[in-house]
């Protein structure tokens, strides 16, 4: 009887050790796969960079101006929203644009030229801010994608407003 108990204990201990080994191996394989996926994503993002020579327009309603003392020279910020967007967000604009009135609609036309990656407005602003800074300082290029911004008041209401996608 004592031998059988000892054998059962040894077998159960061996099973527990094997299960622990199996779980650790799965965890290590999962970490390696995650690292490989991260490296693949970076490679895909690098490959997604493309040459831009295009324009697109978005209509925004100006909600408020932001007095941000740490803004780069030539750059100001405003809070805007879109028709039925109900989601205010911050947009970089040239500091020379001081005639925007709150609660009026404006068409923001972005002109992109150069090589880079722009899939969203955060990435767009990462190119727009240096472009505005460089233009303010007399240099009309930013080294990658140069962004020119034209802002014009519009009387278009509702669904008449322009909401074009970022250049694809």
N, C-alpha and C. Protein backbone atom coordinates (compact mmCIF):
# COMPACT_ATOMS: atom_id res chain seq x y z
N UNK A 1 0.81 -1.19 0.00
CA UNK A 1 0.00 0.00 0.00
C UNK A 1 0.86 1.26 0.00
N UNK A 2 1.94 1.19 0.80
CA UNK A 2 2.81 2.35 0.89
C UNK A 2 3.49 2.62 -0.44
N UNK A 3 3.87 1.55 -1.17
CA UNK A 3 4.50 1.69 -2.48
C UNK A 3 3.55 2.32 -3.49
N UNK A 4 2.30 1.93 -3.43
CA UNK A 4 1.31 2.47 -4.38
C UNK A 4 1.12 3.97 -4.12
N UNK A 5 1.06 4.37 -2.83
CA UNK A 5 0.92 5.78 -2.50
C UNK A 5 2.13 6.57 -3.00
N UNK A 6 3.31 6.01 -2.83
CA UNK A 6 4.52 6.68 -3.29
C UNK A 6 4.55 6.80 -4.81
N UNK A 7 4.11 5.77 -5.48
CA UNK A 7 4.07 5.80 -6.95
C UNK A 7 3.06 6.85 -7.42
N UNK A 8 1.90 6.91 -6.80
CA UNK A 8 0.87 7.89 -7.17
C UNK A 8 1.40 9.31 -6.95
N UNK A 9 2.08 9.53 -5.82
CA UNK A 9 2.63 10.85 -5.51
C UNK A 9 3.69 11.22 -6.56
N UNK A 10 4.54 10.30 -6.93
CA UNK A 10 5.57 10.57 -7.92
C UNK A 10 4.94 10.86 -9.28
N UNK A 11 3.95 10.06 -9.65
CA UNK A 11 3.29 10.27 -10.96
C UNK A 11 2.57 11.63 -10.97
N UNK A 12 1.86 11.95 -9.89
CA UNK A 12 1.17 13.24 -9.83
C UNK A 12 2.17 14.40 -9.84
N UNK A 13 3.26 14.25 -9.14
CA UNK A 13 4.30 15.30 -9.15
C UNK A 13 4.87 15.47 -10.54
N UNK A 14 5.10 14.38 -11.22
CA UNK A 14 5.61 14.43 -12.58
C UNK A 14 4.61 15.13 -13.52
N UNK A 15 3.34 14.85 -13.34
CA UNK A 15 2.30 15.49 -14.17
C UNK A 15 2.28 17.00 -13.90
N UNK A 16 2.38 17.41 -12.63
CA UNK A 16 2.39 18.83 -12.29
C UNK A 16 3.60 19.52 -12.91
N UNK A 17 4.77 18.89 -12.82
CA UNK A 17 5.98 19.46 -13.41
C UNK A 17 5.83 19.59 -14.92
N UNK A 18 5.29 18.60 -15.56
CA UNK A 18 5.08 18.66 -17.02
C UNK A 18 4.09 19.76 -17.39
N UNK A 19 3.02 19.89 -16.60
CA UNK A 19 2.05 20.96 -16.88
C UNK A 19 2.70 22.34 -16.72
N UNK A 20 3.49 22.53 -15.68
CA UNK A 20 4.18 23.80 -15.49
C UNK A 20 5.12 24.07 -16.66
N UNK A 21 5.87 23.06 -17.07
CA UNK A 21 6.77 23.20 -18.21
C UNK A 21 5.99 23.58 -19.47
N UNK A 22 4.85 22.93 -19.71
CA UNK A 22 4.02 23.19 -20.88
C UNK A 22 3.49 24.63 -20.87
N UNK A 23 3.02 25.12 -19.70
CA UNK A 23 2.49 26.48 -19.58
C UNK A 23 3.60 27.50 -19.82
N UNK A 24 4.78 27.27 -19.26
CA UNK A 24 5.90 28.19 -19.47
C UNK A 24 6.30 28.23 -20.93
N UNK A 25 6.32 27.08 -21.58
CA UNK A 25 6.67 27.00 -23.01
C UNK A 25 5.65 27.77 -23.85
N UNK A 26 4.37 27.60 -23.56
CA UNK A 26 3.34 28.35 -24.30
C UNK A 26 3.50 29.85 -24.10
N UNK A 27 3.80 30.28 -22.88
CA UNK A 27 3.98 31.70 -22.59
C UNK A 27 5.17 32.25 -23.37
N UNK A 28 6.26 31.52 -23.41
CA UNK A 28 7.45 31.97 -24.14
C UNK A 28 7.15 32.06 -25.64
N UNK A 29 6.46 31.06 -26.18
CA UNK A 29 6.11 31.08 -27.60
C UNK A 29 5.20 32.27 -27.93
N UNK A 30 4.28 32.58 -27.01
CA UNK A 30 3.37 33.70 -27.20
C UNK A 30 4.15 35.02 -27.21
N UNK A 31 5.11 35.18 -26.31
CA UNK A 31 5.92 36.40 -26.27
C UNK A 31 6.74 36.55 -27.54
N UNK A 32 7.32 35.47 -28.02
CA UNK A 32 8.11 35.52 -29.26
C UNK A 32 7.21 35.92 -30.43
N UNK A 33 6.00 35.36 -30.48
CA UNK A 33 5.07 35.70 -31.57
C UNK A 33 4.67 37.16 -31.50
N UNK A 34 4.43 37.69 -30.28
CA UNK A 34 4.08 39.10 -30.14
C UNK A 34 5.21 39.99 -30.62
N UNK A 35 6.45 39.65 -30.28
CA UNK A 35 7.59 40.44 -30.73
C UNK A 35 7.71 40.40 -32.24
N UNK A 36 7.50 39.23 -32.83
CA UNK A 36 7.54 39.11 -34.29
C UNK A 36 6.45 39.94 -34.94
N UNK A 37 5.25 39.93 -34.36
CA UNK A 37 4.15 40.73 -34.90
C UNK A 37 4.46 42.21 -34.80
N UNK A 38 5.06 42.65 -33.69
CA UNK A 38 5.43 44.05 -33.54
C UNK A 38 6.45 44.44 -34.60
N UNK A 39 7.44 43.61 -34.83
CA UNK A 39 8.43 43.89 -35.86
C UNK A 39 7.79 43.91 -37.23
N UNK A 40 6.85 43.00 -37.50
CA UNK A 40 6.16 43.00 -38.79
C UNK A 40 5.32 44.25 -38.96
N UNK A 41 4.65 44.72 -37.88
CA UNK A 41 3.85 45.94 -37.96
C UNK A 41 4.74 47.12 -38.29
N UNK A 42 5.91 47.21 -37.66
CA UNK A 42 6.80 48.32 -37.95
C UNK A 42 7.24 48.27 -39.40
N UNK A 43 7.53 47.09 -39.90
CA UNK A 43 7.94 46.95 -41.30
C UNK A 43 6.80 47.37 -42.22
N UNK A 44 5.56 46.94 -41.89
CA UNK A 44 4.41 47.31 -42.72
C UNK A 44 4.21 48.82 -42.70
N UNK A 45 4.34 49.45 -41.52
CA UNK A 45 4.18 50.90 -41.43
C UNK A 45 5.23 51.62 -42.26
N UNK A 46 6.46 51.11 -42.22
CA UNK A 46 7.50 51.72 -43.03
C UNK A 46 7.17 51.57 -44.51
N UNK A 47 6.61 50.43 -44.88
CA UNK A 47 6.26 50.20 -46.28
C UNK A 47 5.06 51.04 -46.70
N UNK A 48 4.21 51.43 -45.73
CA UNK A 48 3.02 52.20 -46.05
C UNK A 48 3.34 53.65 -46.38
N UNK A 49 4.55 54.12 -46.07
CA UNK A 49 4.88 55.49 -46.41
C UNK A 49 4.71 55.66 -47.91
N UNK A 50 4.12 56.78 -48.27
CA UNK A 50 3.86 57.00 -49.69
C UNK A 50 4.11 58.45 -50.05
N UNK A 51 4.13 58.68 -51.31
CA UNK A 51 4.36 60.02 -51.85
C UNK A 51 3.01 60.73 -51.93
N UNK A 52 2.92 61.91 -51.31
CA UNK A 52 1.69 62.70 -51.33
C UNK A 52 1.85 63.91 -52.23
N UNK A 53 0.84 64.14 -53.03
CA UNK A 53 0.69 65.36 -53.80
C UNK A 53 -0.81 65.51 -54.02
N UNK A 54 -1.51 65.89 -52.96
CA UNK A 54 -2.98 65.89 -53.01
C UNK A 54 -3.53 66.91 -52.02
N UNK A 55 -4.85 67.06 -52.07
CA UNK A 55 -5.55 67.97 -51.16
C UNK A 55 -6.84 67.31 -50.70
N UNK A 56 -7.30 67.71 -49.54
CA UNK A 56 -8.61 67.29 -49.07
C UNK A 56 -9.17 68.39 -48.17
N UNK A 57 -10.49 68.41 -48.02
CA UNK A 57 -11.16 69.48 -47.27
C UNK A 57 -12.04 68.88 -46.18
N UNK A 58 -12.01 69.53 -45.04
CA UNK A 58 -12.89 69.20 -43.91
C UNK A 58 -13.57 70.49 -43.47
N UNK A 59 -14.85 70.41 -43.13
CA UNK A 59 -15.57 71.57 -42.62
C UNK A 59 -15.66 71.45 -41.11
N UNK A 60 -15.19 72.49 -40.42
CA UNK A 60 -15.21 72.52 -38.96
C UNK A 60 -15.96 73.74 -38.46
N UNK A 61 -16.57 73.59 -37.30
CA UNK A 61 -17.14 74.74 -36.59
C UNK A 61 -16.14 75.10 -35.50
N UNK A 62 -15.76 76.35 -35.43
CA UNK A 62 -14.82 76.82 -34.42
C UNK A 62 -15.57 76.94 -33.09
N UNK A 63 -15.06 76.27 -32.08
CA UNK A 63 -15.67 76.32 -30.75
C UNK A 63 -14.96 77.33 -29.86
N UNK A 64 -13.63 77.31 -29.89
CA UNK A 64 -12.88 78.22 -29.03
C UNK A 64 -11.43 78.29 -29.50
N UNK A 65 -10.78 79.39 -29.15
CA UNK A 65 -9.36 79.53 -29.41
C UNK A 65 -8.61 79.11 -28.15
N UNK A 66 -7.43 78.54 -28.31
CA UNK A 66 -6.63 78.11 -27.17
C UNK A 66 -5.41 79.01 -27.07
N UNK A 67 -5.22 79.57 -25.89
CA UNK A 67 -4.02 80.36 -25.64
C UNK A 67 -2.98 79.41 -25.06
N UNK A 68 -2.14 78.87 -25.91
CA UNK A 68 -1.15 77.88 -25.51
C UNK A 68 0.22 78.51 -25.63
N UNK A 69 0.80 78.96 -24.51
CA UNK A 69 2.06 79.71 -24.58
C UNK A 69 3.25 78.88 -25.04
N UNK A 70 3.16 77.57 -25.02
CA UNK A 70 4.28 76.73 -25.42
C UNK A 70 4.21 76.30 -26.89
N UNK A 71 3.27 76.87 -27.64
CA UNK A 71 3.13 76.52 -29.05
C UNK A 71 4.37 76.98 -29.82
N UNK A 72 4.72 76.22 -30.83
CA UNK A 72 5.85 76.58 -31.70
C UNK A 72 5.55 77.90 -32.40
N UNK A 73 6.60 78.63 -32.75
CA UNK A 73 6.42 79.89 -33.48
C UNK A 73 5.62 79.62 -34.75
N UNK A 74 4.62 80.45 -35.00
CA UNK A 74 3.83 80.33 -36.21
C UNK A 74 2.65 79.38 -36.08
N UNK A 75 2.47 78.77 -34.90
CA UNK A 75 1.41 77.77 -34.71
C UNK A 75 0.47 78.23 -33.61
N UNK A 76 -0.83 78.14 -33.89
CA UNK A 76 -1.87 78.38 -32.88
C UNK A 76 -2.79 77.16 -32.88
N UNK A 77 -3.65 77.11 -31.87
CA UNK A 77 -4.56 75.97 -31.76
C UNK A 77 -5.97 76.46 -31.51
N UNK A 78 -6.93 75.74 -32.09
CA UNK A 78 -8.34 76.03 -31.84
C UNK A 78 -9.06 74.71 -31.57
N UNK A 79 -10.18 74.82 -30.89
CA UNK A 79 -11.05 73.67 -30.66
C UNK A 79 -12.16 73.73 -31.69
N UNK A 80 -12.39 72.64 -32.38
CA UNK A 80 -13.41 72.58 -33.44
C UNK A 80 -14.26 71.32 -33.25
N UNK A 81 -15.37 71.28 -33.99
CA UNK A 81 -16.13 70.05 -34.13
C UNK A 81 -16.70 70.01 -35.53
N UNK A 82 -17.28 68.88 -35.88
CA UNK A 82 -17.88 68.71 -37.20
C UNK A 82 -19.39 68.61 -37.05
N UNK A 83 -20.09 68.78 -38.14
CA UNK A 83 -21.54 68.69 -38.14
C UNK A 83 -21.97 67.34 -37.60
N UNK A 84 -22.77 67.34 -36.58
CA UNK A 84 -23.27 66.16 -35.88
C UNK A 84 -22.15 65.25 -35.38
N UNK A 85 -20.94 65.81 -35.22
CA UNK A 85 -19.84 65.01 -34.69
C UNK A 85 -19.87 64.91 -33.18
N UNK A 86 -20.29 65.98 -32.52
CA UNK A 86 -20.40 66.03 -31.06
C UNK A 86 -19.14 65.53 -30.37
N UNK A 87 -18.00 65.78 -30.99
CA UNK A 87 -16.73 65.33 -30.44
C UNK A 87 -15.68 66.41 -30.71
N UNK A 88 -15.56 67.39 -29.81
CA UNK A 88 -14.60 68.46 -30.04
C UNK A 88 -13.17 67.95 -30.05
N UNK A 89 -12.33 68.56 -30.87
CA UNK A 89 -10.92 68.20 -30.92
C UNK A 89 -10.10 69.43 -31.28
N UNK A 90 -8.81 69.33 -31.05
CA UNK A 90 -7.90 70.46 -31.25
C UNK A 90 -7.26 70.37 -32.63
N UNK A 91 -7.20 71.52 -33.31
CA UNK A 91 -6.60 71.60 -34.64
C UNK A 91 -5.51 72.67 -34.61
N UNK A 92 -4.38 72.36 -35.21
CA UNK A 92 -3.31 73.35 -35.36
C UNK A 92 -3.62 74.23 -36.57
N UNK A 93 -3.38 75.53 -36.41
CA UNK A 93 -3.60 76.48 -37.51
C UNK A 93 -2.43 77.47 -37.52
N UNK A 94 -2.26 78.19 -38.64
CA UNK A 94 -1.22 79.23 -38.64
C UNK A 94 -1.57 80.32 -37.63
N UNK A 95 -0.58 80.81 -36.92
CA UNK A 95 -0.85 81.86 -35.92
C UNK A 95 -1.31 83.15 -36.58
N UNK A 96 -1.04 83.31 -37.86
CA UNK A 96 -1.48 84.51 -38.57
C UNK A 96 -2.98 84.50 -38.82
N UNK A 97 -3.64 83.37 -38.60
CA UNK A 97 -5.08 83.26 -38.81
C UNK A 97 -5.78 83.63 -37.51
N UNK A 98 -6.05 84.91 -37.34
CA UNK A 98 -6.65 85.35 -36.08
C UNK A 98 -8.08 85.88 -36.29
N UNK A 99 -8.61 85.71 -37.48
CA UNK A 99 -9.93 86.26 -37.78
C UNK A 99 -11.05 85.21 -37.70
N UNK A 100 -10.78 84.04 -37.14
CA UNK A 100 -11.81 83.01 -37.04
C UNK A 100 -12.76 83.33 -35.89
N UNK A 101 -14.05 83.27 -36.19
CA UNK A 101 -15.06 83.59 -35.18
C UNK A 101 -15.66 82.31 -34.63
N UNK A 102 -15.93 82.33 -33.32
CA UNK A 102 -16.50 81.14 -32.70
C UNK A 102 -17.92 80.89 -33.22
N UNK A 103 -18.22 79.62 -33.32
CA UNK A 103 -19.51 79.08 -33.77
C UNK A 103 -19.81 79.34 -35.24
N UNK A 104 -18.81 79.71 -36.00
CA UNK A 104 -18.96 79.80 -37.46
C UNK A 104 -18.25 78.60 -38.08
N UNK A 105 -18.71 78.24 -39.27
CA UNK A 105 -18.13 77.10 -39.99
C UNK A 105 -17.07 77.56 -40.98
N UNK A 106 -16.01 76.77 -41.07
CA UNK A 106 -14.91 77.07 -41.98
C UNK A 106 -14.49 75.80 -42.69
N UNK A 107 -14.10 75.95 -43.95
CA UNK A 107 -13.54 74.82 -44.71
C UNK A 107 -12.02 74.87 -44.58
N UNK A 108 -11.46 73.80 -44.05
CA UNK A 108 -10.02 73.65 -43.89
C UNK A 108 -9.53 72.75 -45.02
N UNK A 109 -8.79 73.33 -45.95
CA UNK A 109 -8.26 72.54 -47.07
C UNK A 109 -6.77 72.31 -46.82
N UNK A 110 -6.43 71.04 -46.69
CA UNK A 110 -5.05 70.63 -46.45
C UNK A 110 -4.42 70.21 -47.77
N UNK A 111 -3.27 70.77 -48.09
CA UNK A 111 -2.51 70.40 -49.30
C UNK A 111 -1.26 69.67 -48.82
N UNK A 112 -1.11 68.43 -49.25
CA UNK A 112 0.02 67.60 -48.81
C UNK A 112 0.98 67.38 -49.96
N UNK A 113 2.27 67.49 -49.66
CA UNK A 113 3.28 67.23 -50.68
C UNK A 113 4.51 66.66 -49.98
N UNK A 114 4.95 65.48 -50.45
CA UNK A 114 6.14 64.85 -49.88
C UNK A 114 5.88 63.41 -49.53
N UNK A 115 6.87 62.78 -48.89
CA UNK A 115 6.79 61.36 -48.56
C UNK A 115 6.63 61.18 -47.06
N UNK A 116 5.65 60.36 -46.67
CA UNK A 116 5.41 60.09 -45.26
C UNK A 116 4.26 59.13 -45.07
N UNK A 117 3.71 59.13 -43.87
CA UNK A 117 2.60 58.25 -43.53
C UNK A 117 1.55 59.06 -42.79
N UNK A 118 0.36 59.18 -43.37
CA UNK A 118 -0.73 59.92 -42.74
C UNK A 118 -2.01 59.10 -42.86
N UNK A 119 -2.42 58.51 -41.73
CA UNK A 119 -3.65 57.73 -41.69
C UNK A 119 -4.73 58.38 -40.83
N UNK A 120 -4.35 59.38 -40.01
CA UNK A 120 -5.31 60.02 -39.13
C UNK A 120 -4.85 61.46 -38.85
N UNK A 121 -5.68 62.20 -38.11
CA UNK A 121 -5.37 63.62 -37.89
C UNK A 121 -4.22 63.82 -36.92
N UNK A 122 -3.96 62.86 -36.05
CA UNK A 122 -2.78 62.99 -35.18
C UNK A 122 -1.52 62.94 -36.03
N UNK A 123 -1.47 62.03 -36.99
CA UNK A 123 -0.31 61.96 -37.89
C UNK A 123 -0.26 63.19 -38.78
N UNK A 124 -1.41 63.67 -39.22
CA UNK A 124 -1.44 64.89 -40.05
C UNK A 124 -0.85 66.06 -39.27
N UNK A 125 -1.26 66.22 -38.01
CA UNK A 125 -0.72 67.32 -37.20
C UNK A 125 0.77 67.19 -36.96
N UNK A 126 1.28 65.94 -36.93
CA UNK A 126 2.72 65.77 -36.73
C UNK A 126 3.52 66.31 -37.92
N UNK A 127 2.88 66.44 -39.08
CA UNK A 127 3.52 67.07 -40.24
C UNK A 127 3.12 68.54 -40.36
N UNK A 128 1.89 68.87 -39.97
CA UNK A 128 1.39 70.24 -40.10
C UNK A 128 2.14 71.21 -39.19
N UNK A 129 2.37 70.82 -37.95
CA UNK A 129 3.02 71.73 -36.99
C UNK A 129 4.41 72.13 -37.46
N UNK A 130 5.29 71.18 -37.86
CA UNK A 130 6.60 71.62 -38.38
C UNK A 130 6.47 72.44 -39.66
N UNK A 131 5.48 72.14 -40.49
CA UNK A 131 5.28 72.90 -41.73
C UNK A 131 4.92 74.36 -41.40
N UNK A 132 4.02 74.55 -40.44
CA UNK A 132 3.64 75.91 -40.05
C UNK A 132 4.82 76.64 -39.43
N UNK A 133 5.58 75.95 -38.58
CA UNK A 133 6.76 76.53 -37.96
C UNK A 133 7.78 76.95 -39.01
N UNK A 134 8.05 76.04 -39.96
CA UNK A 134 9.03 76.35 -41.00
C UNK A 134 8.57 77.50 -41.89
N UNK A 135 7.30 77.51 -42.23
CA UNK A 135 6.77 78.61 -43.07
C UNK A 135 6.89 79.94 -42.32
N UNK A 136 6.59 79.93 -41.03
CA UNK A 136 6.70 81.15 -40.21
C UNK A 136 8.13 81.67 -40.21
N UNK A 137 9.09 80.75 -40.25
CA UNK A 137 10.51 81.12 -40.23
C UNK A 137 11.12 81.24 -41.62
N UNK A 138 10.28 81.26 -42.66
CA UNK A 138 10.76 81.50 -44.01
C UNK A 138 11.28 80.29 -44.75
N UNK A 139 11.04 79.09 -44.23
CA UNK A 139 11.47 77.86 -44.90
C UNK A 139 10.23 77.06 -45.25
N UNK A 140 9.90 76.97 -46.54
CA UNK A 140 8.66 76.31 -46.95
C UNK A 140 8.79 74.82 -47.16
N UNK A 141 9.60 74.15 -46.39
CA UNK A 141 9.63 72.69 -46.46
C UNK A 141 9.90 72.15 -45.07
N UNK A 142 9.46 70.93 -44.82
CA UNK A 142 9.64 70.35 -43.50
C UNK A 142 10.49 69.09 -43.56
N UNK A 143 10.97 68.72 -44.74
CA UNK A 143 11.84 67.56 -44.87
C UNK A 143 11.11 66.28 -45.22
N UNK A 144 9.85 66.15 -44.85
CA UNK A 144 9.10 64.94 -45.17
C UNK A 144 7.86 65.33 -45.94
N UNK A 145 6.72 65.37 -45.27
CA UNK A 145 5.49 65.83 -45.92
C UNK A 145 5.27 67.29 -45.53
N UNK A 146 5.22 68.14 -46.53
CA UNK A 146 4.93 69.55 -46.29
C UNK A 146 3.42 69.72 -46.38
N UNK A 147 2.83 70.40 -45.39
CA UNK A 147 1.38 70.59 -45.35
C UNK A 147 1.08 72.08 -45.40
N UNK A 148 0.29 72.46 -46.37
CA UNK A 148 -0.19 73.85 -46.49
C UNK A 148 -1.67 73.81 -46.10
N UNK A 149 -2.11 74.81 -45.35
CA UNK A 149 -3.49 74.85 -44.87
C UNK A 149 -4.16 76.15 -45.30
N UNK A 150 -5.30 76.01 -46.00
CA UNK A 150 -6.13 77.17 -46.37
C UNK A 150 -7.43 77.08 -45.58
N UNK A 151 -7.85 78.21 -44.99
CA UNK A 151 -9.07 78.24 -44.20
C UNK A 151 -9.98 79.30 -44.77
N UNK A 152 -11.22 78.90 -45.14
CA UNK A 152 -12.18 79.82 -45.74
C UNK A 152 -13.52 79.63 -45.05
N UNK A 153 -14.16 80.74 -44.69
CA UNK A 153 -15.49 80.66 -44.06
C UNK A 153 -16.48 80.10 -45.07
N UNK A 154 -17.45 79.33 -44.57
CA UNK A 154 -18.45 78.74 -45.45
C UNK A 154 -19.84 78.97 -44.88
N UNK A 155 -20.80 79.07 -45.78
CA UNK A 155 -22.19 79.19 -45.36
C UNK A 155 -22.93 77.86 -45.55
N UNK A 156 -22.20 76.82 -45.96
CA UNK A 156 -22.82 75.51 -46.14
C UNK A 156 -23.29 74.98 -44.79
N UNK A 157 -24.47 74.41 -44.79
CA UNK A 157 -25.06 73.89 -43.56
C UNK A 157 -25.27 72.39 -43.67
N UNK A 158 -25.20 71.73 -42.54
CA UNK A 158 -25.54 70.31 -42.45
C UNK A 158 -24.80 69.42 -43.42
N UNK A 159 -25.55 68.61 -44.15
CA UNK A 159 -24.95 67.61 -45.04
C UNK A 159 -24.31 68.24 -46.28
N UNK A 160 -24.50 69.53 -46.51
CA UNK A 160 -23.83 70.21 -47.62
C UNK A 160 -22.33 70.39 -47.35
N UNK A 161 -21.95 70.30 -46.08
CA UNK A 161 -20.57 70.54 -45.70
C UNK A 161 -19.66 69.45 -46.24
N UNK A 162 -18.41 69.81 -46.45
CA UNK A 162 -17.43 68.88 -47.03
C UNK A 162 -16.71 68.14 -45.92
N UNK A 163 -16.68 66.82 -46.02
CA UNK A 163 -15.95 65.96 -45.07
C UNK A 163 -15.19 64.90 -45.86
N UNK A 164 -14.15 65.33 -46.56
CA UNK A 164 -13.37 64.40 -47.37
C UNK A 164 -12.39 63.63 -46.50
N UNK A 165 -12.07 62.42 -46.91
CA UNK A 165 -11.08 61.62 -46.22
C UNK A 165 -9.68 62.18 -46.49
N UNK A 166 -8.77 61.87 -45.58
CA UNK A 166 -7.36 62.22 -45.81
C UNK A 166 -6.92 61.53 -47.07
N UNK A 167 -6.08 62.17 -47.85
CA UNK A 167 -5.60 61.62 -49.12
C UNK A 167 -5.22 60.16 -48.94
N UNK A 168 -5.70 59.32 -49.81
CA UNK A 168 -5.39 57.88 -49.74
C UNK A 168 -4.61 57.46 -50.96
